[in-house]
């Protein structure tokens, strides 16, 4: 598994496209949080990271499929999936190696955003204190969301040998999971009961629950179950294609 993990990391950073993807993500974060008037932290007027944690999931919707789209699509297109199957590596080890590599890459992309915390603390008034619990909970929730989106992206890459199609499939599934159920819960026809349960199916509800600084077991189980589900679907698809 470690050989797959390091192979994926080397492959990503050996290509200029990998650096471009990370640069675009960080640039988009900077533009939304410090330049655009509707979403910028200075215009928000409070010593808070709320703006960042509201925007980050939407940017990750594009970043993660862009990172994972080549995971298995390249293996299928280049024929190296047959070479991998001859090695003493189980399908689960291949999947987890690729999953952990993609998860690590997204964490690397998120690491520079910690500078926003210090920037806001520096710009805040002397008597203004940052909500450390809320920020910690939000980052933990963001990591769970990253793990879920990564599992979906890896699954999407097993469905086709075309990177663009893989990207679009993962983007659609991530969008449906994050915002689709939330949008359905707002439909007037579902008000009065079903809207609550529809909202619980969406990742947005559980992510914002963690953002309050309270790590609820139900939210952890929700995200962990989704990761396990899409990892299992990935293994099923991979084994089926090899058969």
C-alpha atoms as a PDB file:
ATOM      1  CA  UNK A   1       0.000   0.000   0.000  1.00  0.00           C
ATOM      2  CA  UNK A   2       2.810   2.423   0.834  1.00  0.00           C
ATOM      3  CA  UNK A   3       4.371   1.909  -2.594  1.00  0.00           C
ATOM      4  CA  UNK A   4       1.061   2.958  -4.225  1.00  0.00           C
ATOM      5  CA  UNK A   5       0.789   5.892  -1.817  1.00  0.00           C
ATOM      6  CA  UNK A   6       4.231   7.309  -2.630  1.00  0.00           C
ATOM      7  CA  UNK A   7       3.821   6.542  -6.328  1.00  0.00           C
ATOM      8  CA  UNK A   8       0.660   8.662  -6.436  1.00  0.00           C
ATOM      9  CA  UNK A   9       2.312  11.543  -4.570  1.00  0.00           C
ATOM     10  CA  UNK A  10       5.342  11.508  -6.878  1.00  0.00           C
ATOM     11  CA  UNK A  11       3.106  11.332  -9.934  1.00  0.00           C
ATOM     12  CA  UNK A  12       1.097  14.360  -8.813  1.00  0.00           C
ATOM     13  CA  UNK A  13       4.080  16.562  -8.002  1.00  0.00           C
ATOM     14  CA  UNK A  14       6.063  15.484 -11.052  1.00  0.00           C
ATOM     15  CA  UNK A  15       3.479  17.158 -13.272  1.00  0.00           C
ATOM     16  CA  UNK A  16       2.992  20.906 -13.644  1.00  0.00           C
ATOM     17  CA  UNK A  17      -0.755  20.251 -13.645  1.00  0.00           C
ATOM     18  CA  UNK A  18      -0.561  19.245  -9.984  1.00  0.00           C
ATOM     19  CA  UNK A  19       0.966  22.554  -8.949  1.00  0.00           C
ATOM     20  CA  UNK A  20      -1.533  24.437 -11.117  1.00  0.00           C
ATOM     21  CA  UNK A  21      -4.466  22.725  -9.382  1.00  0.00           C
ATOM     22  CA  UNK A  22      -3.149  23.668  -5.917  1.00  0.00           C
ATOM     23  CA  UNK A  23      -2.333  27.213  -7.043  1.00  0.00           C
ATOM     24  CA  UNK A  24      -5.807  27.728  -8.503  1.00  0.00           C
ATOM     25  CA  UNK A  25      -7.415  26.536  -5.271  1.00  0.00           C
ATOM     26  CA  UNK A  26      -5.329  28.823  -3.053  1.00  0.00           C
ATOM     27  CA  UNK A  27      -5.793  31.766  -5.426  1.00  0.00           C
ATOM     28  CA  UNK A  28      -9.557  31.234  -5.453  1.00  0.00           C
ATOM     29  CA  UNK A  29      -9.558  31.155  -1.640  1.00  0.00           C
ATOM     30  CA  UNK A  30      -7.604  34.406  -1.499  1.00  0.00           C
ATOM     31  CA  UNK A  31      -9.840  36.155  -4.038  1.00  0.00           C
ATOM     32  CA  UNK A  32     -13.078  35.122  -2.353  1.00  0.00           C
ATOM     33  CA  UNK A  33     -11.878  35.914   1.175  1.00  0.00           C
ATOM     34  CA  UNK A  34      -9.890  39.102   0.683  1.00  0.00           C
ATOM     35  CA  UNK A  35     -10.972  40.725  -2.601  1.00  0.00           C
ATOM     36  CA  UNK A  36     -14.621  40.137  -3.489  1.00  0.00           C
ATOM     37  CA  UNK A  37     -16.863  42.459  -1.475  1.00  0.00           C
ATOM     38  CA  UNK A  38     -19.711  39.991  -0.951  1.00  0.00           C
ATOM     39  CA  UNK A  39     -17.580  37.302   0.678  1.00  0.00           C
ATOM     40  CA  UNK A  40     -14.435  39.050   1.924  1.00  0.00           C
ATOM     41  CA  UNK A  41     -13.331  38.779   5.535  1.00  0.00           C
ATOM     42  CA  UNK A  42     -12.631  42.559   5.939  1.00  0.00           C
ATOM     43  CA  UNK A  43     -16.181  43.414   4.818  1.00  0.00           C
ATOM     44  CA  UNK A  44     -17.631  40.781   7.145  1.00  0.00           C
ATOM     45  CA  UNK A  45     -16.582  42.974  10.052  1.00  0.00           C
ATOM     46  CA  UNK A  46     -16.023  40.222  12.637  1.00  0.00           C
ATOM     47  CA  UNK A  47     -12.953  38.339  13.830  1.00  0.00           C
ATOM     48  CA  UNK A  48     -14.261  35.073  12.433  1.00  0.00           C
ATOM     49  CA  UNK A  49     -13.362  32.324   9.972  1.00  0.00           C
ATOM     50  CA  UNK A  50     -17.026  31.768   9.075  1.00  0.00           C
ATOM     51  CA  UNK A  51     -16.548  33.128   5.564  1.00  0.00           C
ATOM     52  CA  UNK A  52     -13.766  30.693   4.808  1.00  0.00           C
ATOM     53  CA  UNK A  53     -15.630  27.660   6.134  1.00  0.00           C
ATOM     54  CA  UNK A  54     -18.691  28.619   4.083  1.00  0.00           C
ATOM     55  CA  UNK A  55     -16.712  28.919   0.851  1.00  0.00           C
ATOM     56  CA  UNK A  56     -14.231  26.047   1.335  1.00  0.00           C
ATOM     57  CA  UNK A  57     -16.677  23.161   0.638  1.00  0.00           C
ATOM     58  CA  UNK A  58     -17.657  24.712  -2.705  1.00  0.00           C
ATOM     59  CA  UNK A  59     -14.033  25.100  -3.741  1.00  0.00           C
ATOM     60  CA  UNK A  60     -13.297  21.537  -2.619  1.00  0.00           C
ATOM     61  CA  UNK A  61     -16.141  20.364  -4.865  1.00  0.00           C
ATOM     62  CA  UNK A  62     -13.860  21.246  -7.784  1.00  0.00           C
ATOM     63  CA  UNK A  63     -10.427  20.653  -6.245  1.00  0.00           C
ATOM     64  CA  UNK A  64     -10.951  17.064  -5.105  1.00  0.00           C
ATOM     65  CA  UNK A  65     -12.421  15.697  -8.366  1.00  0.00           C
ATOM     66  CA  UNK A  66      -9.509  17.404 -10.166  1.00  0.00           C
ATOM     67  CA  UNK A  67      -7.043  15.534  -7.938  1.00  0.00           C
ATOM     68  CA  UNK A  68      -8.777  12.144  -7.996  1.00  0.00           C
ATOM     69  CA  UNK A  69      -9.913  12.058 -11.637  1.00  0.00           C
ATOM     70  CA  UNK A  70      -6.713  10.372 -12.808  1.00  0.00           C
ATOM     71  CA  UNK A  71      -6.460   7.814  -9.995  1.00  0.00           C
ATOM     72  CA  UNK A  72      -7.830   4.837 -11.923  1.00  0.00           C
ATOM     73  CA  UNK A  73      -8.712   6.511 -15.225  1.00  0.00           C
ATOM     74  CA  UNK A  74      -4.999   6.749 -16.074  1.00  0.00           C
ATOM     75  CA  UNK A  75      -4.441   3.125 -15.057  1.00  0.00           C
ATOM     76  CA  UNK A  76      -7.220   1.978 -17.398  1.00  0.00           C
ATOM     77  CA  UNK A  77      -6.117   4.175 -20.275  1.00  0.00           C
ATOM     78  CA  UNK A  78      -2.439   3.234 -19.985  1.00  0.00           C
ATOM     79  CA  UNK A  79      -3.112  -0.448 -19.366  1.00  0.00           C
ATOM     80  CA  UNK A  80      -1.128  -0.390 -16.112  1.00  0.00           C
ATOM     81  CA  UNK A  81      -4.100  -1.746 -14.168  1.00  0.00           C
ATOM     82  CA  UNK A  82      -3.197  -5.193 -15.522  1.00  0.00           C
ATOM     83  CA  UNK A  83       0.402  -4.666 -14.380  1.00  0.00           C
ATOM     84  CA  UNK A  84      -0.831  -3.741 -10.893  1.00  0.00           C
ATOM     85  CA  UNK A  85      -2.999  -6.858 -10.745  1.00  0.00           C
ATOM     86  CA  UNK A  86       0.102  -9.032 -11.222  1.00  0.00           C
ATOM     87  CA  UNK A  87       1.777  -7.535  -8.162  1.00  0.00           C
ATOM     88  CA  UNK A  88       1.325  -9.005  -4.663  1.00  0.00           C
ATOM     89  CA  UNK A  89      -1.053  -6.180  -3.785  1.00  0.00           C
ATOM     90  CA  UNK A  90      -4.734  -6.671  -3.029  1.00  0.00           C
ATOM     91  CA  UNK A  91      -7.400  -4.408  -4.590  1.00  0.00           C
ATOM     92  CA  UNK A  92      -8.072  -2.953  -1.138  1.00  0.00           C
ATOM     93  CA  UNK A  93      -4.406  -1.956  -0.737  1.00  0.00           C
ATOM     94  CA  UNK A  94      -4.419  -0.282  -4.160  1.00  0.00           C
ATOM     95  CA  UNK A  95      -7.593   1.635  -3.324  1.00  0.00           C
ATOM     96  CA  UNK A  96      -6.439   2.738   0.134  1.00  0.00           C
ATOM     97  CA  UNK A  97      -3.034   3.753  -1.228  1.00  0.00           C
ATOM     98  CA  UNK A  98      -4.672   6.007  -3.822  1.00  0.00           C
ATOM     99  CA  UNK A  99      -7.265   7.261  -1.344  1.00  0.00           C
ATOM    100  CA  UNK A 100      -4.678   8.238   1.280  1.00  0.00           C
ATOM    101  CA  UNK A 101      -2.463   9.901  -1.333  1.00  0.00           C
ATOM    102  CA  UNK A 102      -5.348  12.046  -2.615  1.00  0.00           C
ATOM    103  CA  UNK A 103      -6.432  12.843   0.955  1.00  0.00           C
ATOM    104  CA  UNK A 104      -2.863  13.918   1.792  1.00  0.00           C
ATOM    105  CA  UNK A 105      -2.725  16.181  -1.256  1.00  0.00           C
ATOM    106  CA  UNK A 106      -5.932  17.966  -0.253  1.00  0.00           C
ATOM    107  CA  UNK A 107      -4.607  18.383   3.301  1.00  0.00           C
ATOM    108  CA  UNK A 108      -1.459  19.943   1.830  1.00  0.00           C
ATOM    109  CA  UNK A 109      -3.695  22.349  -0.101  1.00  0.00           C
ATOM    110  CA  UNK A 110      -5.580  23.262   3.097  1.00  0.00           C
ATOM    111  CA  UNK A 111      -2.455  23.736   5.215  1.00  0.00           C
ATOM    112  CA  UNK A 112      -1.650  27.269   3.917  1.00  0.00           C
ATOM    113  CA  UNK A 113      -5.180  28.400   4.832  1.00  0.00           C
ATOM    114  CA  UNK A 114      -4.124  28.341   8.493  1.00  0.00           C
ATOM    115  CA  UNK A 115      -2.477  31.683   7.783  1.00  0.00           C
ATOM    116  CA  UNK A 116      -5.982  33.162   7.634  1.00  0.00           C
ATOM    117  CA  UNK A 117      -6.411  32.378  11.337  1.00  0.00           C
ATOM    118  CA  UNK A 118      -3.270  34.327  12.247  1.00  0.00           C
ATOM    119  CA  UNK A 119      -4.188  37.134   9.842  1.00  0.00           C
ATOM    120  CA  UNK A 120      -7.628  37.596  11.391  1.00  0.00           C
ATOM    121  CA  UNK A 121      -6.149  37.432  14.893  1.00  0.00           C
ATOM    122  CA  UNK A 122      -3.641  40.145  13.913  1.00  0.00           C
ATOM    123  CA  UNK A 123      -6.294  42.375  12.305  1.00  0.00           C
ATOM    124  CA  UNK A 124      -8.843  41.964  15.094  1.00  0.00           C
ATOM    125  CA  UNK A 125      -9.381  44.549  17.811  1.00  0.00           C
ATOM    126  CA  UNK A 126      -7.539  43.946  21.056  1.00  0.00           C
ATOM    127  CA  UNK A 127     -10.653  42.791  22.905  1.00  0.00           C
ATOM    128  CA  UNK A 128     -11.857  40.522  20.100  1.00  0.00           C
ATOM    129  CA  UNK A 129     -11.154  36.847  20.567  1.00  0.00           C
ATOM    130  CA  UNK A 130     -11.343  34.156  17.937  1.00  0.00           C
ATOM    131  CA  UNK A 131     -13.654  31.218  18.567  1.00  0.00           C
ATOM    132  CA  UNK A 132     -10.934  28.574  18.869  1.00  0.00           C
ATOM    133  CA  UNK A 133     -13.451  25.786  19.486  1.00  0.00           C
ATOM    134  CA  UNK A 134     -15.504  26.695  16.438  1.00  0.00           C
ATOM    135  CA  UNK A 135     -12.419  26.969  14.205  1.00  0.00           C
ATOM    136  CA  UNK A 136     -11.061  23.620  15.419  1.00  0.00           C
ATOM    137  CA  UNK A 137     -14.428  21.944  14.928  1.00  0.00           C
ATOM    138  CA  UNK A 138     -14.773  23.474  11.465  1.00  0.00           C
ATOM    139  CA  UNK A 139     -11.364  22.194  10.367  1.00  0.00           C
ATOM    140  CA  UNK A 140     -12.210  18.733  11.705  1.00  0.00           C
ATOM    141  CA  UNK A 141     -15.524  18.846   9.839  1.00  0.00           C
ATOM    142  CA  UNK A 142     -13.672  19.984   6.728  1.00  0.00           C
ATOM    143  CA  UNK A 143     -11.317  16.989   6.993  1.00  0.00           C
ATOM    144  CA  UNK A 144     -14.259  14.600   7.245  1.00  0.00           C
ATOM    145  CA  UNK A 145     -15.804  16.306   4.203  1.00  0.00           C
ATOM    146  CA  UNK A 146     -12.484  15.989   2.353  1.00  0.00           C
ATOM    147  CA  UNK A 147     -12.348  12.262   3.152  1.00  0.00           C
ATOM    148  CA  UNK A 148     -15.902  11.802   1.855  1.00  0.00           C
ATOM    149  CA  UNK A 149     -15.317  13.774  -1.356  1.00  0.00           C
ATOM    150  CA  UNK A 150     -12.038  11.896  -1.896  1.00  0.00           C
ATOM    151  CA  UNK A 151     -13.760   8.518  -1.575  1.00  0.00           C
ATOM    152  CA  UNK A 152     -16.384   9.686  -4.088  1.00  0.00           C
ATOM    153  CA  UNK A 153     -13.687  10.940  -6.461  1.00  0.00           C
ATOM    154  CA  UNK A 154     -11.767   7.655  -6.296  1.00  0.00           C
ATOM    155  CA  UNK A 155     -15.004   5.793  -7.022  1.00  0.00           C
ATOM    156  CA  UNK A 156     -15.750   8.066  -9.989  1.00  0.00           C
ATOM    157  CA  UNK A 157     -12.316   7.358 -11.460  1.00  0.00           C
ATOM    158  CA  UNK A 158     -13.015   3.605 -11.558  1.00  0.00           C
ATOM    159  CA  UNK A 159     -16.054   4.067 -13.815  1.00  0.00           C
ATOM    160  CA  UNK A 160     -14.190   5.317 -16.892  1.00  0.00           C
ATOM    161  CA  UNK A 161     -10.795   5.690 -18.541  1.00  0.00           C
ATOM    162  CA  UNK A 162     -11.565   9.318 -19.432  1.00  0.00           C
ATOM    163  CA  UNK A 163     -10.291  11.857 -16.908  1.00  0.00           C
ATOM    164  CA  UNK A 164     -12.834  14.522 -17.899  1.00  0.00           C
ATOM    165  CA  UNK A 165     -15.751  12.123 -17.481  1.00  0.00           C
ATOM    166  CA  UNK A 166     -14.303  10.981 -14.164  1.00  0.00           C
ATOM    167  CA  UNK A 167     -14.068  14.609 -13.020  1.00  0.00           C
ATOM    168  CA  UNK A 168     -17.670  15.356 -14.018  1.00  0.00           C
ATOM    169  CA  UNK A 169     -19.050  12.208 -12.364  1.00  0.00           C
ATOM    170  CA  UNK A 170     -17.241  12.991  -9.098  1.00  0.00           C
ATOM    171  CA  UNK A 171     -18.294  16.656  -9.260  1.00  0.00           C
ATOM    172  CA  UNK A 172     -21.942  15.703  -9.755  1.00  0.00           C
ATOM    173  CA  UNK A 173     -21.941  13.139  -6.921  1.00  0.00           C
ATOM    174  CA  UNK A 174     -20.184  15.506  -4.508  1.00  0.00           C
ATOM    175  CA  UNK A 175     -22.582  18.324  -5.383  1.00  0.00           C
ATOM    176  CA  UNK A 176     -25.591  16.034  -4.986  1.00  0.00           C
ATOM    177  CA  UNK A 177     -24.384  14.837  -1.596  1.00  0.00           C
ATOM    178  CA  UNK A 178     -23.419  18.267  -0.273  1.00  0.00           C
ATOM    179  CA  UNK A 179     -26.184  20.490  -1.625  1.00  0.00           C
ATOM    180  CA  UNK A 180     -28.728  18.254  -3.395  1.00  0.00           C
ATOM    181  CA  UNK A 181     -30.470  16.917  -0.297  1.00  0.00           C
ATOM    182  CA  UNK A 182     -30.359  20.345   1.332  1.00  0.00           C
ATOM    183  CA  UNK A 183     -32.040  21.851  -1.752  1.00  0.00           C
ATOM    184  CA  UNK A 184     -34.708  19.134  -1.713  1.00  0.00           C
ATOM    185  CA  UNK A 185     -35.435  19.785   1.959  1.00  0.00           C
ATOM    186  CA  UNK A 186     -36.310  23.390   1.059  1.00  0.00           C
ATOM    187  CA  UNK A 187     -39.007  22.355  -1.422  1.00  0.00           C
ATOM    188  CA  UNK A 188     -42.371  23.412   0.056  1.00  0.00           C
ATOM    189  CA  UNK A 189     -43.901  20.005  -0.754  1.00  0.00           C
ATOM    190  CA  UNK A 190     -41.544  18.355   1.760  1.00  0.00           C
ATOM    191  CA  UNK A 191     -42.143  20.811   4.608  1.00  0.00           C
ATOM    192  CA  UNK A 192     -43.558  19.565   7.870  1.00  0.00           C
ATOM    193  CA  UNK A 193     -41.475  16.439   8.455  1.00  0.00           C
ATOM    194  CA  UNK A 194     -39.760  15.009   5.349  1.00  0.00           C
ATOM    195  CA  UNK A 195     -37.636  18.164   5.007  1.00  0.00           C
ATOM    196  CA  UNK A 196     -35.875  17.375   8.303  1.00  0.00           C
ATOM    197  CA  UNK A 197     -34.944  13.831   7.261  1.00  0.00           C
ATOM    198  CA  UNK A 198     -33.894  14.919   3.778  1.00  0.00           C
ATOM    199  CA  UNK A 199     -31.584  17.466   5.376  1.00  0.00           C
ATOM    200  CA  UNK A 200     -30.008  14.740   7.504  1.00  0.00           C
ATOM    201  CA  UNK A 201     -29.006  12.863   4.335  1.00  0.00           C
ATOM    202  CA  UNK A 202     -26.993  15.858   3.132  1.00  0.00           C
ATOM    203  CA  UNK A 203     -23.350  16.400   4.077  1.00  0.00           C
ATOM    204  CA  UNK A 204     -24.003  20.130   4.517  1.00  0.00           C
ATOM    205  CA  UNK A 205     -26.085  19.537   7.650  1.00  0.00           C
ATOM    206  CA  UNK A 206     -23.428  17.393   9.354  1.00  0.00           C
ATOM    207  CA  UNK A 207     -20.554  19.633   8.283  1.00  0.00           C
ATOM    208  CA  UNK A 208     -22.196  22.727   9.758  1.00  0.00           C
ATOM    209  CA  UNK A 209     -23.035  20.766  12.901  1.00  0.00           C
ATOM    210  CA  UNK A 210     -19.307  20.143  13.412  1.00  0.00           C
ATOM    211  CA  UNK A 211     -18.572  23.788  12.597  1.00  0.00           C
ATOM    212  CA  UNK A 212     -20.265  24.784  15.824  1.00  0.00           C
ATOM    213  CA  UNK A 213     -17.342  23.244  17.694  1.00  0.00           C
ATOM    214  CA  UNK A 214     -19.180  20.171  18.952  1.00  0.00           C
ATOM    215  CA  UNK A 215     -18.044  16.839  17.499  1.00  0.00           C
ATOM    216  CA  UNK A 216     -21.208  14.736  17.580  1.00  0.00           C
ATOM    217  CA  UNK A 217     -20.878  10.962  17.242  1.00  0.00           C
ATOM    218  CA  UNK A 218     -23.734  10.956  14.712  1.00  0.00           C
ATOM    219  CA  UNK A 219     -21.792  13.271  12.396  1.00  0.00           C
ATOM    220  CA  UNK A 220     -18.650  11.132  12.676  1.00  0.00           C
ATOM    221  CA  UNK A 221     -20.664   7.984  11.916  1.00  0.00           C
ATOM    222  CA  UNK A 222     -22.347   9.698   8.956  1.00  0.00           C
ATOM    223  CA  UNK A 223     -19.087  10.689   7.264  1.00  0.00           C
ATOM    224  CA  UNK A 224     -17.326   7.438   8.167  1.00  0.00           C
ATOM    225  CA  UNK A 225     -20.208   5.440   6.695  1.00  0.00           C
ATOM    226  CA  UNK A 226     -20.078   7.388   3.440  1.00  0.00           C
ATOM    227  CA  UNK A 227     -16.325   6.860   3.132  1.00  0.00           C
ATOM    228  CA  UNK A 228     -16.751   3.129   3.796  1.00  0.00           C
ATOM    229  CA  UNK A 229     -19.633   2.934   1.292  1.00  0.00           C
ATOM    230  CA  UNK A 230     -17.742   4.555  -1.577  1.00  0.00           C
ATOM    231  CA  UNK A 231     -14.560   2.617  -0.807  1.00  0.00           C
ATOM    232  CA  UNK A 232     -16.641  -0.577  -0.984  1.00  0.00           C
ATOM    233  CA  UNK A 233     -18.236   0.557  -4.276  1.00  0.00           C
ATOM    234  CA  UNK A 234     -14.776   1.334  -5.628  1.00  0.00           C
ATOM    235  CA  UNK A 235     -13.543  -2.152  -4.739  1.00  0.00           C
ATOM    236  CA  UNK A 236     -16.628  -3.760  -6.260  1.00  0.00           C
ATOM    237  CA  UNK A 237     -16.185  -1.813  -9.520  1.00  0.00           C
ATOM    238  CA  UNK A 238     -12.450  -2.538  -9.674  1.00  0.00           C
ATOM    239  CA  UNK A 239     -12.859  -6.262  -9.058  1.00  0.00           C
ATOM    240  CA  UNK A 240     -15.720  -6.472 -11.529  1.00  0.00           C
ATOM    241  CA  UNK A 241     -13.688  -4.795 -14.272  1.00  0.00           C
ATOM    242  CA  UNK A 242     -10.750  -7.120 -13.648  1.00  0.00           C
ATOM    243  CA  UNK A 243     -12.960 -10.206 -13.902  1.00  0.00           C
END
